[in-house]
Amino acid sequence: MDKLEQLENLAPVKWALVHPRLAAWIVLSVGMVALLVNEARDVGLTTGNWISLIVATVLVAGACIMIVSWEDDDESEEKAENGELTEAVSEHVETPEDTEE
C-alpha cells in the first residue's frame, strides 16, 4: 500500500478531506493562537484580555479562510456555467453526423 493511501485512511485526514474549510480554519486558528500566546506571554494581560484576544484571533482566522475560499467558489461556479453553456450550445448546433442523414 502506498504511503499516501495510508495517510488518507487516517480518521483525521478523512475528516479534513470531507471538511476542508473547517479543517483549514482549525489549523490556522491553532497556529495563530500559538503565536499570540508566545508573543504576548510577558505582557501582563488579564484573563479577560486573553479570552478576548484568543476569540478575536480565531474569528480572524475564520475570516481569512472564508476570503481565501471565495476563489474556490468562483472557479466552481465558472466551471458549472461553462458546462451548462456547452450542453446548451451542443443541443442547438448541428454536428456533421446530423447533416449526413
C-alpha atoms as a PDB file:
ATOM      1  CA  MET A   1       0.000   0.000   0.000  1.00  0.00           C
ATOM      2  CA  ASP A   2       1.314   3.425  -0.919  1.00  0.00           C
ATOM      3  CA  LYS A   3       2.235   5.797   1.930  1.00  0.00           C
ATOM      4  CA  LEU A   4      -0.151   8.422   0.585  1.00  0.00           C
ATOM      5  CA  GLU A   5      -3.008   5.907   0.663  1.00  0.00           C
ATOM      6  CA  GLN A   6      -2.090   5.013   4.244  1.00  0.00           C
ATOM      7  CA  LEU A   7      -2.212   8.680   5.161  1.00  0.00           C
ATOM      8  CA  GLU A   8      -5.607   9.122   3.506  1.00  0.00           C
ATOM      9  CA  ASN A   9      -7.001   6.264   5.601  1.00  0.00           C
ATOM     10  CA  LEU A  10      -6.320   8.059   8.888  1.00  0.00           C
ATOM     11  CA  ALA A  11      -9.527   9.333  10.515  1.00  0.00           C
ATOM     12  CA  PRO A  12      -8.416  12.987  10.912  1.00  0.00           C
ATOM     13  CA  VAL A  13      -7.255  13.112   7.299  1.00  0.00           C
ATOM     14  CA  LYS A  14     -10.537  11.620   6.053  1.00  0.00           C
ATOM     15  CA  TRP A  15     -12.428  14.208   8.089  1.00  0.00           C
ATOM     16  CA  ALA A  16     -10.236  17.024   6.719  1.00  0.00           C
ATOM     17  CA  LEU A  17     -10.849  15.840   3.150  1.00  0.00           C
ATOM     18  CA  VAL A  18     -14.599  15.936   3.748  1.00  0.00           C
ATOM     19  CA  HIS A  19     -14.489  19.317   5.564  1.00  0.00           C
ATOM     20  CA  PRO A  20     -11.520  21.200   4.050  1.00  0.00           C
ATOM     21  CA  ARG A  21     -12.536  24.720   5.072  1.00  0.00           C
ATOM     22  CA  LEU A  22     -13.295  23.804   8.657  1.00  0.00           C
ATOM     23  CA  ALA A  23     -10.038  21.864   8.882  1.00  0.00           C
ATOM     24  CA  ALA A  24      -8.112  24.817   7.477  1.00  0.00           C
ATOM     25  CA  TRP A  25      -9.824  27.128   9.968  1.00  0.00           C
ATOM     26  CA  ILE A  26      -8.837  24.889  12.873  1.00  0.00           C
ATOM     27  CA  VAL A  27      -5.221  24.542  11.735  1.00  0.00           C
ATOM     28  CA  LEU A  28      -4.836  28.256  11.071  1.00  0.00           C
ATOM     29  CA  SER A  29      -6.503  29.132  14.388  1.00  0.00           C
ATOM     30  CA  VAL A  30      -4.197  26.850  16.351  1.00  0.00           C
ATOM     31  CA  GLY A  31      -1.140  28.349  14.675  1.00  0.00           C
ATOM     32  CA  MET A  32      -2.279  31.932  15.177  1.00  0.00           C
ATOM     33  CA  VAL A  33      -3.217  31.369  18.825  1.00  0.00           C
ATOM     34  CA  ALA A  34       0.149  29.675  19.444  1.00  0.00           C
ATOM     35  CA  LEU A  35       1.938  32.714  18.010  1.00  0.00           C
ATOM     36  CA  LEU A  36      -0.252  35.042  20.048  1.00  0.00           C
ATOM     37  CA  VAL A  37       0.465  33.197  23.281  1.00  0.00           C
ATOM     38  CA  ASN A  38       4.183  33.045  22.520  1.00  0.00           C
ATOM     39  CA  GLU A  39       4.487  36.740  21.721  1.00  0.00           C
ATOM     40  CA  ALA A  40       2.164  38.115  24.422  1.00  0.00           C
ATOM     41  CA  ARG A  41       3.057  35.854  27.337  1.00  0.00           C
ATOM     42  CA  ASP A  42       5.126  38.501  29.163  1.00  0.00           C
ATOM     43  CA  VAL A  43       2.833  41.462  28.534  1.00  0.00           C
ATOM     44  CA  GLY A  44       0.762  41.035  31.694  1.00  0.00           C
ATOM     45  CA  LEU A  45      -2.681  40.522  30.192  1.00  0.00           C
ATOM     46  CA  THR A  46      -5.618  39.675  32.409  1.00  0.00           C
ATOM     47  CA  THR A  47      -7.737  36.575  31.893  1.00  0.00           C
ATOM     48  CA  GLY A  48     -10.439  38.625  30.183  1.00  0.00           C
ATOM     49  CA  ASN A  49      -7.849  40.121  27.834  1.00  0.00           C
ATOM     50  CA  TRP A  50      -6.528  36.661  26.941  1.00  0.00           C
ATOM     51  CA  ILE A  51     -10.019  35.329  26.239  1.00  0.00           C
ATOM     52  CA  SER A  52     -10.876  38.345  24.080  1.00  0.00           C
ATOM     53  CA  LEU A  53      -7.642  38.111  22.102  1.00  0.00           C
ATOM     54  CA  ILE A  54      -7.984  34.370  21.540  1.00  0.00           C
ATOM     55  CA  VAL A  55     -11.628  34.687  20.402  1.00  0.00           C
ATOM     56  CA  ALA A  56     -10.703  37.559  18.083  1.00  0.00           C
ATOM     57  CA  THR A  57      -7.776  35.561  16.691  1.00  0.00           C
ATOM     58  CA  VAL A  58      -9.974  32.538  15.958  1.00  0.00           C
ATOM     59  CA  LEU A  59     -12.551  34.763  14.243  1.00  0.00           C
ATOM     60  CA  VAL A  60      -9.845  36.437  12.135  1.00  0.00           C
ATOM     61  CA  ALA A  61      -8.558  33.007  11.107  1.00  0.00           C
ATOM     62  CA  GLY A  62     -12.094  32.065  10.049  1.00  0.00           C
ATOM     63  CA  ALA A  63     -12.412  35.275   8.038  1.00  0.00           C
ATOM     64  CA  CYS A  64      -9.086  34.524   6.320  1.00  0.00           C
ATOM     65  CA  ILE A  65     -10.225  31.053   5.312  1.00  0.00           C
ATOM     66  CA  MET A  66     -13.535  32.431   4.063  1.00  0.00           C
ATOM     67  CA  ILE A  67     -11.766  35.052   1.935  1.00  0.00           C
ATOM     68  CA  VAL A  68      -9.325  32.522   0.513  1.00  0.00           C
ATOM     69  CA  SER A  69     -12.175  30.123  -0.284  1.00  0.00           C
ATOM     70  CA  TRP A  70     -14.042  32.756  -2.313  1.00  0.00           C
ATOM     71  CA  GLU A  71     -11.699  31.996  -5.200  1.00  0.00           C
ATOM     72  CA  ASP A  72     -12.617  28.310  -4.982  1.00  0.00           C
ATOM     73  CA  ASP A  73     -16.305  29.205  -5.179  1.00  0.00           C
ATOM     74  CA  ASP A  74     -15.717  31.421  -8.209  1.00  0.00           C
ATOM     75  CA  GLU A  75     -13.840  28.674 -10.053  1.00  0.00           C
ATOM     76  CA  SER A  76     -16.508  26.055  -9.353  1.00  0.00           C
ATOM     77  CA  GLU A  77     -19.251  28.450 -10.476  1.00  0.00           C
ATOM     78  CA  GLU A  78     -17.352  29.196 -13.685  1.00  0.00           C
ATOM     79  CA  LYS A  79     -16.919  25.506 -14.402  1.00  0.00           C
ATOM     80  CA  ALA A  80     -20.601  24.881 -13.790  1.00  0.00           C
ATOM     81  CA  GLU A  81     -21.611  27.793 -16.011  1.00  0.00           C
ATOM     82  CA  ASN A  82     -19.249  26.678 -18.794  1.00  0.00           C
ATOM     83  CA  GLY A  83     -20.528  23.107 -18.579  1.00  0.00           C
ATOM     84  CA  GLU A  84     -24.133  24.249 -18.772  1.00  0.00           C
ATOM     85  CA  LEU A  85     -23.311  26.564 -21.673  1.00  0.00           C
ATOM     86  CA  THR A  86     -21.537  23.786 -23.548  1.00  0.00           C
ATOM     87  CA  GLU A  87     -24.521  21.489 -23.108  1.00  0.00           C
ATOM     88  CA  ALA A  88     -26.937  24.204 -24.245  1.00  0.00           C
ATOM     89  CA  VAL A  89     -24.869  25.004 -27.333  1.00  0.00           C
ATOM     90  CA  SER A  90     -24.443  21.346 -28.280  1.00  0.00           C
ATOM     91  CA  GLU A  91     -28.218  20.881 -28.244  1.00  0.00           C
ATOM     92  CA  HIS A  92     -28.717  23.656 -30.817  1.00  0.00           C
ATOM     93  CA  VAL A  93     -25.725  23.150 -33.077  1.00  0.00           C
ATOM     94  CA  GLU A  94     -25.873  20.539 -35.816  1.00  0.00           C
ATOM     95  CA  THR A  95     -22.949  18.181 -35.911  1.00  0.00           C
ATOM     96  CA  PRO A  96     -21.633  16.649 -39.153  1.00  0.00           C
ATOM     97  CA  GLU A  97     -23.294  13.391 -38.140  1.00  0.00           C
ATOM     98  CA  ASP A  98     -26.694  15.109 -38.072  1.00  0.00           C
ATOM     99  CA  THR A  99     -26.295  16.609 -41.546  1.00  0.00           C
ATOM    100  CA  GLU A 100     -25.367  13.291 -43.225  1.00  0.00           C
ATOM    101  CA  GLU A 101     -28.810  11.829 -42.703  1.00  0.00           C
END
